[in-house]
N, C-alpha and C. Protein backbone atom coordinates (compact mmCIF):
# COMPACT_ATOMS: atom_id res chain seq x y z
N MET A 1 137.72 118.61 -117.10
CA MET A 1 137.14 117.97 -118.26
C MET A 1 137.75 118.63 -119.50
N GLN A 2 138.14 117.79 -120.43
CA GLN A 2 138.70 118.28 -121.68
C GLN A 2 137.54 118.62 -122.62
N THR A 3 137.48 119.89 -123.02
CA THR A 3 136.34 120.37 -123.79
C THR A 3 136.80 120.93 -125.13
N SER A 4 136.09 120.55 -126.19
CA SER A 4 136.32 121.15 -127.49
C SER A 4 135.00 121.75 -127.98
N VAL A 5 135.06 123.00 -128.39
CA VAL A 5 133.86 123.70 -128.84
C VAL A 5 134.02 124.01 -130.33
N THR A 6 133.00 123.61 -131.11
CA THR A 6 132.99 123.84 -132.55
C THR A 6 131.81 124.73 -132.90
N PHE A 7 132.06 125.69 -133.77
CA PHE A 7 131.01 126.61 -134.21
C PHE A 7 130.68 126.33 -135.67
N LYS A 8 129.36 126.24 -135.98
CA LYS A 8 128.92 126.05 -137.36
C LYS A 8 127.95 127.18 -137.70
N ASN A 9 128.21 127.84 -138.82
CA ASN A 9 127.37 128.94 -139.29
C ASN A 9 127.21 130.05 -138.26
N ILE A 10 128.22 130.22 -137.42
CA ILE A 10 128.21 131.27 -136.41
C ILE A 10 129.66 131.66 -136.17
N ASP A 11 129.88 132.94 -135.92
CA ASP A 11 131.23 133.41 -135.62
C ASP A 11 131.65 132.88 -134.25
N SER A 12 132.90 132.43 -134.17
CA SER A 12 133.38 131.91 -132.89
C SER A 12 133.45 133.03 -131.87
N SER A 13 132.95 132.77 -130.71
CA SER A 13 132.87 133.77 -129.65
C SER A 13 133.55 133.22 -128.40
N ASP A 14 134.47 134.02 -127.87
CA ASP A 14 135.14 133.60 -126.64
C ASP A 14 134.16 133.57 -125.47
N ASN A 15 133.15 134.45 -125.50
CA ASN A 15 132.15 134.46 -124.42
C ASN A 15 131.35 133.15 -124.40
N LEU A 16 130.92 132.69 -125.57
CA LEU A 16 130.17 131.43 -125.64
C LEU A 16 131.04 130.25 -125.22
N LYS A 17 132.29 130.27 -125.68
CA LYS A 17 133.21 129.19 -125.35
C LYS A 17 133.47 129.13 -123.84
N ALA A 18 133.68 130.29 -123.23
CA ALA A 18 133.92 130.35 -121.78
C ALA A 18 132.65 129.93 -121.02
N TYR A 19 131.49 130.33 -121.52
CA TYR A 19 130.22 129.97 -120.88
C TYR A 19 130.03 128.45 -120.87
N VAL A 20 130.30 127.83 -122.00
CA VAL A 20 130.13 126.37 -122.11
C VAL A 20 131.12 125.64 -121.21
N THR A 21 132.39 126.03 -121.24
CA THR A 21 133.40 125.34 -120.43
C THR A 21 133.13 125.52 -118.94
N ASP A 22 132.69 126.70 -118.53
CA ASP A 22 132.36 126.92 -117.11
C ASP A 22 131.20 126.02 -116.69
N LYS A 23 130.18 125.92 -117.53
CA LYS A 23 129.02 125.11 -117.21
C LYS A 23 129.38 123.62 -117.20
N LEU A 24 130.27 123.18 -118.10
CA LEU A 24 130.65 121.77 -118.16
C LEU A 24 131.53 121.36 -116.98
N ASP A 25 132.21 122.30 -116.38
CA ASP A 25 133.08 121.98 -115.24
C ASP A 25 132.30 121.46 -114.05
N ARG A 26 131.00 121.76 -113.96
CA ARG A 26 130.21 121.27 -112.83
C ARG A 26 129.97 119.76 -112.91
N PHE A 27 130.17 119.16 -114.08
CA PHE A 27 129.97 117.73 -114.23
C PHE A 27 131.16 116.92 -113.73
N ASP A 28 132.29 117.57 -113.44
CA ASP A 28 133.47 116.85 -112.96
C ASP A 28 133.19 116.12 -111.65
N ARG A 29 132.29 116.65 -110.83
CA ARG A 29 132.00 116.00 -109.55
C ARG A 29 131.23 114.69 -109.73
N TYR A 30 130.55 114.54 -110.86
CA TYR A 30 129.80 113.31 -111.13
C TYR A 30 130.67 112.24 -111.78
N LEU A 31 131.71 112.64 -112.47
CA LEU A 31 132.53 111.71 -113.24
C LEU A 31 133.77 111.32 -112.44
N ASP A 32 134.05 110.00 -112.38
CA ASP A 32 135.19 109.51 -111.62
C ASP A 32 136.51 109.82 -112.31
N ASN A 33 136.58 109.54 -113.57
CA ASN A 33 137.81 109.72 -114.34
C ASN A 33 137.64 110.91 -115.29
N PRO A 34 138.73 111.42 -115.82
CA PRO A 34 138.61 112.52 -116.76
C PRO A 34 137.76 112.15 -117.97
N ALA A 35 136.96 113.09 -118.39
CA ALA A 35 136.07 112.86 -119.52
C ALA A 35 136.37 113.88 -120.61
N GLU A 36 135.85 113.58 -121.78
CA GLU A 36 136.04 114.45 -122.93
C GLU A 36 134.67 114.93 -123.40
N ALA A 37 134.54 116.24 -123.59
CA ALA A 37 133.27 116.80 -124.03
C ALA A 37 133.46 117.48 -125.39
N ASN A 38 132.59 117.13 -126.34
CA ASN A 38 132.58 117.77 -127.65
C ASN A 38 131.30 118.56 -127.77
N VAL A 39 131.44 119.86 -127.99
CA VAL A 39 130.29 120.75 -128.07
C VAL A 39 130.24 121.35 -129.47
N VAL A 40 129.05 121.28 -130.08
CA VAL A 40 128.85 121.87 -131.39
C VAL A 40 127.73 122.90 -131.26
N LEU A 41 128.07 124.16 -131.55
CA LEU A 41 127.09 125.24 -131.52
C LEU A 41 126.85 125.70 -132.95
N SER A 42 125.58 125.68 -133.36
CA SER A 42 125.30 126.04 -134.75
C SER A 42 124.03 126.87 -134.84
N VAL A 43 123.92 127.57 -135.96
CA VAL A 43 122.74 128.39 -136.24
C VAL A 43 122.22 128.00 -137.61
N GLU A 44 120.92 127.70 -137.68
CA GLU A 44 120.25 127.41 -138.95
C GLU A 44 119.02 128.29 -139.02
N LYS A 45 119.07 129.27 -139.89
CA LYS A 45 118.01 130.28 -140.02
C LYS A 45 117.80 130.95 -138.66
N PHE A 46 116.69 130.72 -138.00
CA PHE A 46 116.42 131.36 -136.72
C PHE A 46 116.64 130.41 -135.53
N ARG A 47 117.02 129.17 -135.83
CA ARG A 47 117.21 128.17 -134.77
C ARG A 47 118.65 128.15 -134.29
N HIS A 48 118.84 128.21 -132.98
CA HIS A 48 120.16 128.08 -132.36
C HIS A 48 120.24 126.68 -131.75
N ILE A 49 121.20 125.89 -132.21
CA ILE A 49 121.29 124.49 -131.83
C ILE A 49 122.57 124.26 -131.04
N ALA A 50 122.41 123.57 -129.90
CA ALA A 50 123.55 123.18 -129.06
C ALA A 50 123.55 121.67 -128.93
N GLU A 51 124.67 121.04 -129.31
CA GLU A 51 124.83 119.59 -129.20
C GLU A 51 126.03 119.31 -128.32
N ILE A 52 125.87 118.39 -127.39
CA ILE A 52 126.96 118.01 -126.48
C ILE A 52 127.09 116.49 -126.48
N THR A 53 128.34 116.03 -126.60
CA THR A 53 128.65 114.61 -126.46
C THR A 53 129.73 114.49 -125.40
N ILE A 54 129.44 113.72 -124.36
CA ILE A 54 130.42 113.49 -123.29
C ILE A 54 130.81 112.03 -123.33
N ILE A 55 132.11 111.80 -123.46
CA ILE A 55 132.66 110.45 -123.50
C ILE A 55 133.58 110.31 -122.31
N GLY A 56 133.26 109.35 -121.45
CA GLY A 56 134.08 109.14 -120.26
C GLY A 56 134.20 107.67 -119.96
N ASP A 57 134.58 107.40 -118.74
CA ASP A 57 134.76 106.03 -118.28
C ASP A 57 133.41 105.32 -118.24
N ARG A 58 133.21 104.35 -119.13
CA ARG A 58 132.02 103.51 -119.21
C ARG A 58 130.74 104.28 -119.52
N LEU A 59 130.83 105.47 -120.09
CA LEU A 59 129.60 106.14 -120.48
C LEU A 59 129.82 107.04 -121.68
N LYS A 60 128.78 107.15 -122.48
CA LYS A 60 128.77 108.04 -123.63
C LYS A 60 127.38 108.67 -123.65
N ILE A 61 127.36 109.98 -123.47
CA ILE A 61 126.09 110.69 -123.34
C ILE A 61 126.01 111.77 -124.41
N LYS A 62 124.85 111.83 -125.06
CA LYS A 62 124.62 112.83 -126.10
C LYS A 62 123.37 113.62 -125.75
N GLY A 63 123.41 114.89 -126.10
CA GLY A 63 122.25 115.75 -125.90
C GLY A 63 122.19 116.81 -126.98
N LYS A 64 120.97 117.20 -127.36
CA LYS A 64 120.79 118.20 -128.40
C LYS A 64 119.55 119.01 -128.07
N GLU A 65 119.66 120.32 -128.17
CA GLU A 65 118.53 121.22 -127.95
C GLU A 65 118.59 122.36 -128.96
N GLU A 66 117.43 122.86 -129.33
CA GLU A 66 117.38 124.01 -130.22
C GLU A 66 116.31 124.98 -129.73
N THR A 67 116.69 126.27 -129.70
CA THR A 67 115.78 127.34 -129.28
C THR A 67 116.07 128.57 -130.13
N ASN A 68 115.47 129.67 -129.73
CA ASN A 68 115.71 130.94 -130.43
C ASN A 68 116.91 131.69 -129.88
N ASP A 69 117.46 131.24 -128.74
CA ASP A 69 118.59 131.90 -128.11
C ASP A 69 119.68 130.86 -127.81
N MET A 70 120.92 131.17 -128.14
CA MET A 70 122.01 130.21 -127.99
C MET A 70 122.27 129.89 -126.52
N TYR A 71 122.23 130.88 -125.64
CA TYR A 71 122.49 130.65 -124.22
C TYR A 71 121.42 129.74 -123.60
N SER A 72 120.17 129.93 -123.97
CA SER A 72 119.12 129.07 -123.43
C SER A 72 119.24 127.65 -123.99
N ALA A 73 119.66 127.52 -125.26
CA ALA A 73 119.88 126.19 -125.83
C ALA A 73 120.99 125.46 -125.08
N ILE A 74 122.06 126.18 -124.75
CA ILE A 74 123.17 125.59 -123.99
C ILE A 74 122.68 125.16 -122.62
N ASP A 75 121.94 126.02 -121.92
CA ASP A 75 121.43 125.68 -120.59
C ASP A 75 120.52 124.46 -120.64
N MET A 76 119.64 124.41 -121.63
CA MET A 76 118.70 123.29 -121.72
C MET A 76 119.41 121.98 -122.01
N VAL A 77 120.39 121.99 -122.90
CA VAL A 77 121.09 120.75 -123.21
C VAL A 77 121.97 120.31 -122.04
N LEU A 78 122.52 121.26 -121.29
CA LEU A 78 123.31 120.90 -120.12
C LEU A 78 122.44 120.27 -119.03
N ASP A 79 121.22 120.78 -118.87
CA ASP A 79 120.29 120.18 -117.90
C ASP A 79 119.94 118.76 -118.32
N LYS A 80 119.71 118.57 -119.60
CA LYS A 80 119.37 117.24 -120.13
C LYS A 80 120.53 116.27 -119.92
N VAL A 81 121.75 116.72 -120.19
CA VAL A 81 122.92 115.87 -120.04
C VAL A 81 123.16 115.54 -118.56
N GLU A 82 122.92 116.51 -117.69
CA GLU A 82 123.10 116.28 -116.26
C GLU A 82 122.16 115.18 -115.76
N VAL A 83 120.93 115.19 -116.21
CA VAL A 83 119.97 114.15 -115.83
C VAL A 83 120.45 112.79 -116.32
N GLN A 84 120.97 112.74 -117.54
CA GLN A 84 121.47 111.47 -118.10
C GLN A 84 122.67 110.95 -117.31
N ILE A 85 123.56 111.86 -116.91
CA ILE A 85 124.75 111.45 -116.14
C ILE A 85 124.32 110.90 -114.78
N LYS A 86 123.41 111.59 -114.12
CA LYS A 86 122.95 111.11 -112.81
C LYS A 86 122.27 109.75 -112.93
N LYS A 87 121.45 109.59 -113.96
CA LYS A 87 120.76 108.31 -114.17
C LYS A 87 121.77 107.19 -114.43
N SER A 88 122.79 107.48 -115.23
CA SER A 88 123.82 106.49 -115.53
C SER A 88 124.60 106.11 -114.28
N LYS A 89 124.94 107.08 -113.47
CA LYS A 89 125.68 106.82 -112.24
C LYS A 89 124.84 106.02 -111.25
N ASP A 90 123.55 106.32 -111.17
CA ASP A 90 122.66 105.56 -110.28
C ASP A 90 122.56 104.11 -110.74
N LYS A 91 122.51 103.90 -112.05
CA LYS A 91 122.45 102.55 -112.59
C LYS A 91 123.70 101.76 -112.22
N ILE A 92 124.84 102.39 -112.37
CA ILE A 92 126.11 101.74 -112.04
C ILE A 92 126.16 101.44 -110.55
N ARG A 93 125.71 102.38 -109.73
CA ARG A 93 125.71 102.20 -108.28
C ARG A 93 124.78 101.06 -107.88
N ASP A 94 123.62 100.97 -108.52
CA ASP A 94 122.68 99.89 -108.21
C ASP A 94 123.22 98.53 -108.64
N LYS A 95 123.93 98.48 -109.76
CA LYS A 95 124.51 97.22 -110.21
C LYS A 95 125.55 96.72 -109.23
N ARG A 96 126.25 97.62 -108.61
CA ARG A 96 127.28 97.23 -107.65
C ARG A 96 126.69 96.83 -106.31
N GLY A 97 125.38 97.06 -106.12
CA GLY A 97 124.73 96.63 -104.89
C GLY A 97 124.70 97.67 -103.81
N LYS A 98 125.15 98.88 -104.10
CA LYS A 98 125.12 99.93 -103.09
C LYS A 98 123.76 100.60 -103.09
N GLY A 99 123.44 101.21 -101.99
CA GLY A 99 122.20 101.96 -101.91
C GLY A 99 120.97 101.11 -101.71
N LYS A 100 121.12 99.85 -101.34
CA LYS A 100 119.96 98.99 -101.14
C LYS A 100 119.68 98.78 -99.66
N GLY A 101 120.38 99.48 -98.78
CA GLY A 101 120.15 99.32 -97.37
C GLY A 101 120.81 98.09 -96.78
N MET A 102 121.70 97.48 -97.51
CA MET A 102 122.40 96.29 -97.02
C MET A 102 123.90 96.57 -97.03
N GLU A 103 124.59 95.95 -96.10
CA GLU A 103 126.02 96.17 -96.00
C GLU A 103 126.75 94.84 -96.13
N PRO A 104 127.98 94.86 -96.68
CA PRO A 104 128.74 93.62 -96.74
C PRO A 104 129.10 93.16 -95.33
N PHE A 105 129.11 91.86 -95.11
CA PHE A 105 129.44 91.29 -93.82
C PHE A 105 130.94 91.42 -93.58
N GLY A 106 131.31 91.75 -92.36
CA GLY A 106 132.72 91.76 -91.99
C GLY A 106 133.46 92.98 -92.48
N GLY A 107 132.82 94.11 -92.65
CA GLY A 107 133.51 95.31 -93.05
C GLY A 107 133.62 95.47 -94.54
N GLU A 108 134.80 95.92 -94.99
CA GLU A 108 134.95 96.27 -96.39
C GLU A 108 135.53 95.15 -97.24
N GLU A 109 136.17 94.16 -96.63
CA GLU A 109 136.80 93.11 -97.42
C GLU A 109 135.82 91.99 -97.70
N PRO A 110 135.76 91.51 -98.95
CA PRO A 110 134.87 90.40 -99.25
C PRO A 110 135.40 89.10 -98.66
N LEU A 111 134.50 88.20 -98.36
CA LEU A 111 134.84 86.90 -97.82
C LEU A 111 135.34 85.99 -98.95
N ILE A 112 136.47 85.31 -98.74
CA ILE A 112 137.02 84.40 -99.75
C ILE A 112 136.43 83.02 -99.52
N VAL A 113 135.76 82.50 -100.55
CA VAL A 113 135.10 81.20 -100.43
C VAL A 113 135.62 80.29 -101.54
N GLY A 114 136.01 79.08 -101.20
CA GLY A 114 136.35 78.06 -102.19
C GLY A 114 137.54 78.40 -103.06
N ASP A 115 137.33 78.54 -104.35
CA ASP A 115 138.39 78.68 -105.34
C ASP A 115 138.97 80.09 -105.39
N ASP A 116 139.17 80.71 -104.27
CA ASP A 116 139.73 82.06 -104.18
C ASP A 116 138.93 83.08 -104.96
N ILE A 117 137.63 82.85 -105.08
CA ILE A 117 136.74 83.80 -105.74
C ILE A 117 136.10 84.65 -104.65
N PRO A 118 136.33 85.97 -104.65
CA PRO A 118 135.74 86.79 -103.59
C PRO A 118 134.22 86.83 -103.72
N LYS A 119 133.54 86.60 -102.62
CA LYS A 119 132.09 86.67 -102.56
C LYS A 119 131.72 87.54 -101.37
N GLU A 120 130.73 88.37 -101.56
CA GLU A 120 130.27 89.22 -100.48
C GLU A 120 129.03 88.61 -99.86
N ILE A 121 128.97 88.67 -98.55
CA ILE A 121 127.77 88.25 -97.84
C ILE A 121 127.03 89.51 -97.46
N ILE A 122 125.80 89.62 -97.93
CA ILE A 122 124.99 90.80 -97.66
C ILE A 122 124.17 90.55 -96.39
N VAL A 123 124.24 91.49 -95.46
CA VAL A 123 123.52 91.37 -94.20
C VAL A 123 122.28 92.25 -94.27
N LYS A 124 121.13 91.66 -93.99
CA LYS A 124 119.88 92.40 -93.96
C LYS A 124 119.28 92.24 -92.57
N ASN A 125 119.08 93.35 -91.89
CA ASN A 125 118.47 93.31 -90.57
C ASN A 125 116.96 93.26 -90.70
N VAL A 126 116.34 92.32 -89.98
CA VAL A 126 114.89 92.19 -90.02
C VAL A 126 114.34 92.25 -88.61
N ASP A 127 113.17 92.83 -88.47
CA ASP A 127 112.47 92.84 -87.19
C ASP A 127 111.57 91.62 -87.15
N TYR A 128 111.53 90.96 -86.02
CA TYR A 128 110.65 89.81 -85.90
C TYR A 128 109.76 89.99 -84.68
N LYS A 129 108.51 89.53 -84.82
CA LYS A 129 107.51 89.70 -83.77
C LYS A 129 107.04 88.33 -83.31
N PRO A 130 106.57 88.24 -82.08
CA PRO A 130 105.96 86.98 -81.65
C PRO A 130 104.60 86.79 -82.31
N MET A 131 104.39 85.62 -82.93
CA MET A 131 103.11 85.29 -83.56
C MET A 131 103.01 83.79 -83.75
N ASP A 132 101.80 83.33 -84.01
CA ASP A 132 101.57 81.91 -84.32
C ASP A 132 101.95 81.66 -85.77
N VAL A 133 102.10 80.38 -86.14
CA VAL A 133 102.44 80.01 -87.50
C VAL A 133 101.33 80.43 -88.46
N GLU A 134 100.07 80.27 -88.02
CA GLU A 134 98.94 80.67 -88.87
C GLU A 134 98.96 82.16 -89.16
N GLU A 135 99.29 82.96 -88.14
CA GLU A 135 99.38 84.41 -88.31
C GLU A 135 100.55 84.78 -89.23
N ALA A 136 101.64 84.02 -89.14
CA ALA A 136 102.80 84.26 -90.01
C ALA A 136 102.44 83.98 -91.47
N ILE A 137 101.62 82.93 -91.69
CA ILE A 137 101.19 82.61 -93.06
C ILE A 137 100.33 83.74 -93.61
N LEU A 138 99.43 84.28 -92.79
CA LEU A 138 98.61 85.42 -93.22
C LEU A 138 99.48 86.63 -93.53
N GLN A 139 100.49 86.85 -92.71
CA GLN A 139 101.42 87.97 -92.92
C GLN A 139 102.17 87.80 -94.24
N MET A 140 102.59 86.56 -94.54
CA MET A 140 103.31 86.29 -95.79
C MET A 140 102.43 86.54 -97.01
N ASP A 141 101.12 86.23 -96.88
CA ASP A 141 100.20 86.46 -97.98
C ASP A 141 100.03 87.95 -98.28
N LEU A 142 100.22 88.79 -97.26
CA LEU A 142 100.06 90.24 -97.44
C LEU A 142 101.29 90.90 -98.04
N THR A 143 102.45 90.26 -97.92
CA THR A 143 103.69 90.87 -98.40
C THR A 143 104.21 90.12 -99.61
N GLU A 144 105.17 90.70 -100.29
CA GLU A 144 105.81 90.10 -101.46
C GLU A 144 107.13 89.42 -101.10
N GLU A 145 107.43 89.31 -99.82
CA GLU A 145 108.69 88.73 -99.38
C GLU A 145 108.71 87.23 -99.61
N ASN A 146 109.91 86.67 -99.78
CA ASN A 146 110.07 85.23 -99.96
C ASN A 146 110.14 84.49 -98.64
N PHE A 147 110.45 85.21 -97.56
CA PHE A 147 110.54 84.58 -96.25
C PHE A 147 110.10 85.57 -95.18
N LEU A 148 109.81 85.03 -94.01
CA LEU A 148 109.40 85.85 -92.87
C LEU A 148 110.05 85.28 -91.62
N VAL A 149 110.75 86.11 -90.87
CA VAL A 149 111.37 85.71 -89.62
C VAL A 149 110.45 86.17 -88.50
N PHE A 150 110.13 85.27 -87.57
CA PHE A 150 109.24 85.62 -86.48
C PHE A 150 109.56 84.76 -85.27
N THR A 151 109.09 85.20 -84.10
CA THR A 151 109.21 84.42 -82.88
C THR A 151 107.93 83.63 -82.72
N ASN A 152 108.05 82.32 -82.63
CA ASN A 152 106.88 81.48 -82.46
C ASN A 152 106.32 81.73 -81.06
N ALA A 153 105.04 82.15 -80.98
CA ALA A 153 104.43 82.52 -79.71
C ALA A 153 104.29 81.33 -78.78
N ARG A 154 104.17 80.12 -79.33
CA ARG A 154 104.00 78.92 -78.49
C ARG A 154 105.33 78.44 -77.92
N THR A 155 106.38 78.40 -78.78
CA THR A 155 107.66 77.85 -78.33
C THR A 155 108.66 78.92 -77.91
N GLU A 156 108.37 80.18 -78.23
CA GLU A 156 109.24 81.33 -77.94
C GLU A 156 110.62 81.17 -78.59
N GLN A 157 110.67 80.51 -79.75
CA GLN A 157 111.90 80.37 -80.51
C GLN A 157 111.75 81.08 -81.85
N ILE A 158 112.87 81.45 -82.42
CA ILE A 158 112.86 82.14 -83.71
C ILE A 158 112.61 81.11 -84.81
N ASN A 159 111.64 81.40 -85.68
CA ASN A 159 111.30 80.54 -86.81
C ASN A 159 111.40 81.33 -88.09
N VAL A 160 111.57 80.62 -89.21
CA VAL A 160 111.58 81.24 -90.53
C VAL A 160 110.54 80.53 -91.39
N LEU A 161 109.62 81.30 -91.93
CA LEU A 161 108.60 80.79 -92.84
C LEU A 161 109.00 81.24 -94.24
N TYR A 162 108.96 80.33 -95.23
CA TYR A 162 109.39 80.68 -96.58
C TYR A 162 108.48 80.04 -97.62
N HIS A 163 108.49 80.62 -98.83
CA HIS A 163 107.75 80.07 -99.96
C HIS A 163 108.59 78.97 -100.60
N ARG A 164 107.98 77.82 -100.86
CA ARG A 164 108.66 76.74 -101.55
C ARG A 164 108.40 76.84 -103.05
N LYS A 165 109.20 76.17 -103.84
CA LYS A 165 109.04 76.22 -105.29
C LYS A 165 107.74 75.57 -105.75
N ASP A 166 107.22 74.62 -104.97
CA ASP A 166 105.98 73.95 -105.35
C ASP A 166 104.73 74.74 -104.96
N GLY A 167 104.92 75.96 -104.41
CA GLY A 167 103.78 76.82 -104.07
C GLY A 167 103.34 76.71 -102.63
N HIS A 168 103.87 75.75 -101.89
CA HIS A 168 103.52 75.60 -100.48
C HIS A 168 104.49 76.41 -99.62
N TYR A 169 104.28 76.36 -98.32
CA TYR A 169 105.15 77.06 -97.38
C TYR A 169 106.10 76.06 -96.71
N GLY A 170 107.25 76.56 -96.29
CA GLY A 170 108.19 75.77 -95.50
C GLY A 170 108.44 76.50 -94.20
N LEU A 171 108.71 75.76 -93.14
CA LEU A 171 108.97 76.35 -91.83
C LEU A 171 110.29 75.82 -91.31
N ILE A 172 111.17 76.73 -90.94
CA ILE A 172 112.46 76.35 -90.34
C ILE A 172 112.38 76.72 -88.87
N GLN A 173 112.61 75.70 -88.02
CA GLN A 173 112.60 75.95 -86.58
C GLN A 173 113.75 75.18 -85.95
N PRO A 174 114.34 75.74 -84.91
CA PRO A 174 115.48 75.07 -84.27
C PRO A 174 115.03 73.84 -83.50
N SER A 175 115.90 72.85 -83.45
CA SER A 175 115.63 71.66 -82.65
C SER A 175 116.77 71.50 -81.65
N PHE A 176 116.41 71.19 -80.43
CA PHE A 176 117.42 71.05 -79.38
C PHE A 176 117.51 69.66 -78.88
């Protein structure tokens, strides 16, 4: 990580500069591409203020802390920035669809559909139990799911019960 340290109203100290750069190096594992960190260390009367701005690939994170000790201010702002980086990375990961317990169909390559636009088919494994249609409706009322896959106890075939837009239920069953 490319780091620049600026001192305001305080003598520049190699110890403080080395401390900050060592602590910022731990963020490299969270960032995909090289990032730039701007650190401003300042003193106003009895307050020691540490400000950090990290600019990287698709993220800009700022943090500021003030205490009576410069080292504790640096530690506190680094903890705050670390939380922000993790939160940002989780958001990006969730937007991409990872971490939801679903996997793309057919391995790693997306399926090409129609106008050469890659589309991924998400596979979700569901457990289904033998039950009557009435019992399936009661089960649907207890859950927030839009559909329920079950084995019809009377016909011993797999059925799908789903919520319709008009508020009623729909039942999909195979016909032979």
